[in-house]
Structures are given as structure tokens and as C-alpha cells.
Amino acid sequence: MPVSVRKLDQQDSLCEELLRERAAVLSRAGFAVEDALEKLLKIDQQIEEKIQSLRSQLNKGPGREDLHDQQTIFEEINVNIDQFNMACQKAEIQYYYLIVTREALGLRRHGTVQKIYQIPPKKKKIQAI
């Protein structure tokens, strides 16, 4: 095999390897955002479950034990809201890393990425009962 053909084969092989590596880097960045969004979803579900529990406690009527249970649920909700907000911040960072990675790879249009990876806004803590 002539030398120039071997060099072209090596160059093609190297280009293919670079493309695979670019795809792997991009997919890892995307998976990191997906994982962060899944964590947000789980925490959000926990918050909603506790809010429903708090509502059912409030609908029961007044009672000394009920007030303690309501206060406990209220505190748990706010702890979950803090967790949600921290997870939201992490998701925003992971999303930023994804965009930086895309930019570094020469991908400049991010409209589809913005639609796919929508990060919800942070939540405000609920006020005391």
C-alpha cells in the first residue's frame, strides 16, 4: 500500500476518533443536565406530597397534636424547598457547562437545547401557619 494511502487511512481514523470523542463529551454534558433535572423532579414531587399532607391536616380541624404535626410538615416542606433550590442551582450550572461544551465544539444554535432542558424557577419558602 502506498504511503499516501496509509496516511489518508490514518487521518480518516483519527478524524473518526475525534468525532466519537466529541460526541461522548457532548452526551456526558447532556446526561449531567438530565440527571440534575430528574433530581429536581423528585424533590418537587416530595414537596407536592407534603403540601397535600399539610392541606389534609388543615382540613381535619383544630387539635393540639394536629398543630404539632402541621408545624412538622411545614418545616419539612421548607427543607425540601431549600433542597430544590440547591438542586436548581446545580442544574443551572450543568446546563451552563452543556452550552459551553457545545460552543467549544462549534455548535452555536441552542434553541432546541433550551426547549429540551428547561430548568424550573427556584421556589420561595412557605410562611408559617
C-alpha atoms as a PDB file:
ATOM      1  CA  MET A   1       0.000   0.000   0.000  1.00  0.00           C
ATOM      2  CA  PRO A   2       1.452   3.383  -0.954  1.00  0.00           C
ATOM      3  CA  VAL A   3       2.474   5.766   1.822  1.00  0.00           C
ATOM      4  CA  SER A   4      -0.090   8.445   0.877  1.00  0.00           C
ATOM      5  CA  VAL A   5      -2.978   5.941   1.120  1.00  0.00           C
ATOM      6  CA  ARG A   6      -1.819   4.833   4.591  1.00  0.00           C
ATOM      7  CA  LYS A   7      -1.600   8.454   5.720  1.00  0.00           C
ATOM      8  CA  LEU A   8      -5.137   9.091   4.472  1.00  0.00           C
ATOM      9  CA  ASP A   9      -6.371   5.987   6.302  1.00  0.00           C
ATOM     10  CA  GLN A  10      -4.642   7.147   9.484  1.00  0.00           C
ATOM     11  CA  GLN A  11      -6.052  10.638   9.073  1.00  0.00           C
ATOM     12  CA  ASP A  12      -9.560   9.258   8.487  1.00  0.00           C
ATOM     13  CA  SER A  13      -9.182   7.036  11.526  1.00  0.00           C
ATOM     14  CA  LEU A  14      -8.008   9.959  13.651  1.00  0.00           C
ATOM     15  CA  CYS A  15     -10.872  12.173  12.444  1.00  0.00           C
ATOM     16  CA  GLU A  16     -13.360   9.424  13.239  1.00  0.00           C
ATOM     17  CA  GLU A  17     -11.876   9.005  16.718  1.00  0.00           C
ATOM     18  CA  LEU A  18     -12.097  12.761  17.315  1.00  0.00           C
ATOM     19  CA  LEU A  19     -15.742  12.806  16.246  1.00  0.00           C
ATOM     20  CA  ARG A  20     -16.523   9.919  18.609  1.00  0.00           C
ATOM     21  CA  GLU A  21     -14.799  11.746  21.462  1.00  0.00           C
ATOM     22  CA  ARG A  22     -16.708  14.959  20.705  1.00  0.00           C
ATOM     23  CA  ALA A  23     -19.980  13.016  20.745  1.00  0.00           C
ATOM     24  CA  ALA A  24     -19.046  11.364  24.050  1.00  0.00           C
ATOM     25  CA  VAL A  25     -18.179  14.685  25.688  1.00  0.00           C
ATOM     26  CA  LEU A  26     -21.416  16.235  24.469  1.00  0.00           C
ATOM     27  CA  SER A  27     -23.518  13.290  25.643  1.00  0.00           C
ATOM     28  CA  ARG A  28     -21.911  13.329  29.112  1.00  0.00           C
ATOM     29  CA  ALA A  29     -22.746  17.025  29.435  1.00  0.00           C
ATOM     30  CA  GLY A  30     -26.338  16.350  28.345  1.00  0.00           C
ATOM     31  CA  PHE A  31     -26.709  13.418  30.746  1.00  0.00           C
ATOM     32  CA  ALA A  32     -25.450  15.595  33.608  1.00  0.00           C
ATOM     33  CA  VAL A  33     -28.232  18.100  32.905  1.00  0.00           C
ATOM     34  CA  GLU A  34     -30.802  15.293  32.628  1.00  0.00           C
ATOM     35  CA  ASP A  35     -29.694  13.839  35.969  1.00  0.00           C
ATOM     36  CA  ALA A  36     -29.949  17.258  37.622  1.00  0.00           C
ATOM     37  CA  LEU A  37     -33.449  17.763  36.181  1.00  0.00           C
ATOM     38  CA  GLU A  38     -34.556  14.313  37.370  1.00  0.00           C
ATOM     39  CA  LYS A  39     -33.393  15.175  40.875  1.00  0.00           C
ATOM     40  CA  LEU A  40     -35.387  18.420  40.689  1.00  0.00           C
ATOM     41  CA  LEU A  41     -38.474  16.492  39.625  1.00  0.00           C
ATOM     42  CA  LYS A  42     -38.162  14.046  42.533  1.00  0.00           C
ATOM     43  CA  ILE A  43     -37.760  16.838  45.072  1.00  0.00           C
ATOM     44  CA  ASP A  44     -40.699  18.710  43.532  1.00  0.00           C
ATOM     45  CA  GLN A  45     -42.862  15.588  43.895  1.00  0.00           C
ATOM     46  CA  GLN A  46     -41.858  15.307  47.561  1.00  0.00           C
ATOM     47  CA  ILE A  47     -42.831  18.938  48.107  1.00  0.00           C
ATOM     48  CA  GLU A  48     -46.219  18.401  46.451  1.00  0.00           C
ATOM     49  CA  GLU A  49     -46.894  15.279  48.542  1.00  0.00           C
ATOM     50  CA  LYS A  50     -46.104  17.168  51.744  1.00  0.00           C
ATOM     51  CA  ILE A  51     -48.260  20.119  50.706  1.00  0.00           C
ATOM     52  CA  GLN A  52     -51.156  17.698  50.152  1.00  0.00           C
ATOM     53  CA  SER A  53     -50.477  16.187  53.568  1.00  0.00           C
ATOM     54  CA  LEU A  54     -50.451  19.648  55.131  1.00  0.00           C
ATOM     55  CA  ARG A  55     -53.748  20.515  53.429  1.00  0.00           C
ATOM     56  CA  SER A  56     -55.373  17.361  54.764  1.00  0.00           C
ATOM     57  CA  GLN A  57     -54.089  18.211  58.253  1.00  0.00           C
ATOM     58  CA  LEU A  58     -55.544  21.713  57.974  1.00  0.00           C
ATOM     59  CA  ASN A  59     -58.901  20.317  56.837  1.00  0.00           C
ATOM     60  CA  LYS A  60     -59.140  17.966  59.840  1.00  0.00           C
ATOM     61  CA  GLY A  61     -59.804  20.755  62.235  1.00  0.00           C
ATOM     62  CA  PRO A  62     -58.007  22.156  65.247  1.00  0.00           C
ATOM     63  CA  GLY A  63     -56.268  19.956  67.767  1.00  0.00           C
ATOM     64  CA  ARG A  64     -53.135  20.161  69.842  1.00  0.00           C
ATOM     65  CA  GLU A  65     -51.484  17.168  68.167  1.00  0.00           C
ATOM     66  CA  ASP A  66     -52.568  18.431  64.777  1.00  0.00           C
ATOM     67  CA  LEU A  67     -50.780  21.749  65.286  1.00  0.00           C
ATOM     68  CA  HIS A  68     -47.542  19.928  66.057  1.00  0.00           C
ATOM     69  CA  ASP A  69     -47.988  17.669  63.004  1.00  0.00           C
ATOM     70  CA  GLN A  70     -48.768  20.677  60.830  1.00  0.00           C
ATOM     71  CA  GLN A  71     -45.688  22.527  62.050  1.00  0.00           C
ATOM     72  CA  THR A  72     -43.528  19.449  61.382  1.00  0.00           C
ATOM     73  CA  ILE A  73     -44.877  19.108  57.849  1.00  0.00           C
ATOM     74  CA  PHE A  74     -44.422  22.841  57.304  1.00  0.00           C
ATOM     75  CA  GLU A  75     -40.751  22.597  58.332  1.00  0.00           C
ATOM     76  CA  GLU A  76     -40.225  19.536  56.119  1.00  0.00           C
ATOM     77  CA  ILE A  77     -41.672  21.414  53.149  1.00  0.00           C
ATOM     78  CA  ASN A  78     -39.263  24.298  53.671  1.00  0.00           C
ATOM     79  CA  VAL A  79     -36.324  21.887  53.981  1.00  0.00           C
ATOM     80  CA  ASN A  80     -37.395  20.323  50.679  1.00  0.00           C
ATOM     81  CA  ILE A  81     -37.706  23.772  49.118  1.00  0.00           C
ATOM     82  CA  ASP A  82     -34.121  24.506  50.182  1.00  0.00           C
ATOM     83  CA  GLN A  83     -33.041  21.203  48.604  1.00  0.00           C
ATOM     84  CA  PHE A  84     -34.983  22.059  45.453  1.00  0.00           C
ATOM     85  CA  ASN A  85     -33.324  25.464  45.180  1.00  0.00           C
ATOM     86  CA  MET A  86     -29.857  23.972  45.654  1.00  0.00           C
ATOM     87  CA  ALA A  87     -30.625  21.304  43.043  1.00  0.00           C
ATOM     88  CA  CYS A  88     -31.948  24.047  40.751  1.00  0.00           C
ATOM     89  CA  GLN A  89     -28.669  25.910  41.080  1.00  0.00           C
ATOM     90  CA  LYS A  90     -26.755  22.722  40.260  1.00  0.00           C
ATOM     91  CA  ALA A  91     -28.969  22.131  37.220  1.00  0.00           C
ATOM     92  CA  GLU A  92     -28.272  25.680  36.039  1.00  0.00           C
ATOM     93  CA  ILE A  93     -24.529  25.055  36.345  1.00  0.00           C
ATOM     94  CA  GLN A  94     -24.782  21.747  34.468  1.00  0.00           C
ATOM     95  CA  TYR A  95     -26.803  23.469  31.760  1.00  0.00           C
ATOM     96  CA  TYR A  96     -24.163  26.201  31.526  1.00  0.00           C
ATOM     97  CA  TYR A  97     -21.463  23.513  31.138  1.00  0.00           C
ATOM     98  CA  LEU A  98     -23.506  21.920  28.351  1.00  0.00           C
ATOM     99  CA  ILE A  99     -23.756  25.229  26.495  1.00  0.00           C
ATOM    100  CA  VAL A 100     -20.027  25.909  26.958  1.00  0.00           C
ATOM    101  CA  THR A 101     -19.254  22.411  25.666  1.00  0.00           C
ATOM    102  CA  ARG A 102     -21.472  22.947  22.639  1.00  0.00           C
ATOM    103  CA  GLU A 103     -19.807  26.303  21.953  1.00  0.00           C
ATOM    104  CA  ALA A 104     -16.359  24.728  22.242  1.00  0.00           C
ATOM    105  CA  LEU A 105     -17.387  22.100  19.704  1.00  0.00           C
ATOM    106  CA  GLY A 106     -18.566  24.760  17.273  1.00  0.00           C
ATOM    107  CA  LEU A 107     -22.299  24.351  17.887  1.00  0.00           C
ATOM    108  CA  ARG A 108     -23.742  27.847  18.087  1.00  0.00           C
ATOM    109  CA  ARG A 109     -27.507  27.393  17.930  1.00  0.00           C
ATOM    110  CA  HIS A 110     -29.008  26.365  21.250  1.00  0.00           C
ATOM    111  CA  GLY A 111     -32.749  26.869  20.703  1.00  0.00           C
ATOM    112  CA  THR A 112     -33.584  23.157  20.710  1.00  0.00           C
ATOM    113  CA  VAL A 113     -31.383  22.582  23.745  1.00  0.00           C
ATOM    114  CA  GLN A 114     -33.220  25.355  25.602  1.00  0.00           C
ATOM    115  CA  LYS A 115     -36.552  23.699  24.823  1.00  0.00           C
ATOM    116  CA  ILE A 116     -35.384  20.236  25.889  1.00  0.00           C
ATOM    117  CA  TYR A 117     -33.609  21.241  29.098  1.00  0.00           C
ATOM    118  CA  GLN A 118     -35.951  23.722  30.746  1.00  0.00           C
ATOM    119  CA  ILE A 119     -34.880  24.461  34.301  1.00  0.00           C
ATOM    120  CA  PRO A 120     -37.752  25.486  36.561  1.00  0.00           C
ATOM    121  CA  PRO A 121     -37.514  28.660  38.638  1.00  0.00           C
ATOM    122  CA  LYS A 122     -36.473  28.495  42.263  1.00  0.00           C
ATOM    123  CA  LYS A 123     -39.207  28.197  44.864  1.00  0.00           C
ATOM    124  CA  LYS A 124     -39.996  30.503  47.746  1.00  0.00           C
ATOM    125  CA  LYS A 125     -40.391  29.088  51.230  1.00  0.00           C
ATOM    126  CA  ILE A 126     -43.881  28.909  52.603  1.00  0.00           C
ATOM    127  CA  GLN A 127     -44.864  31.074  55.549  1.00  0.00           C
ATOM    128  CA  ALA A 128     -45.793  29.813  58.996  1.00  0.00           C
ATOM    129  CA  ILE A 129     -49.265  28.502  59.699  1.00  0.00           C
END
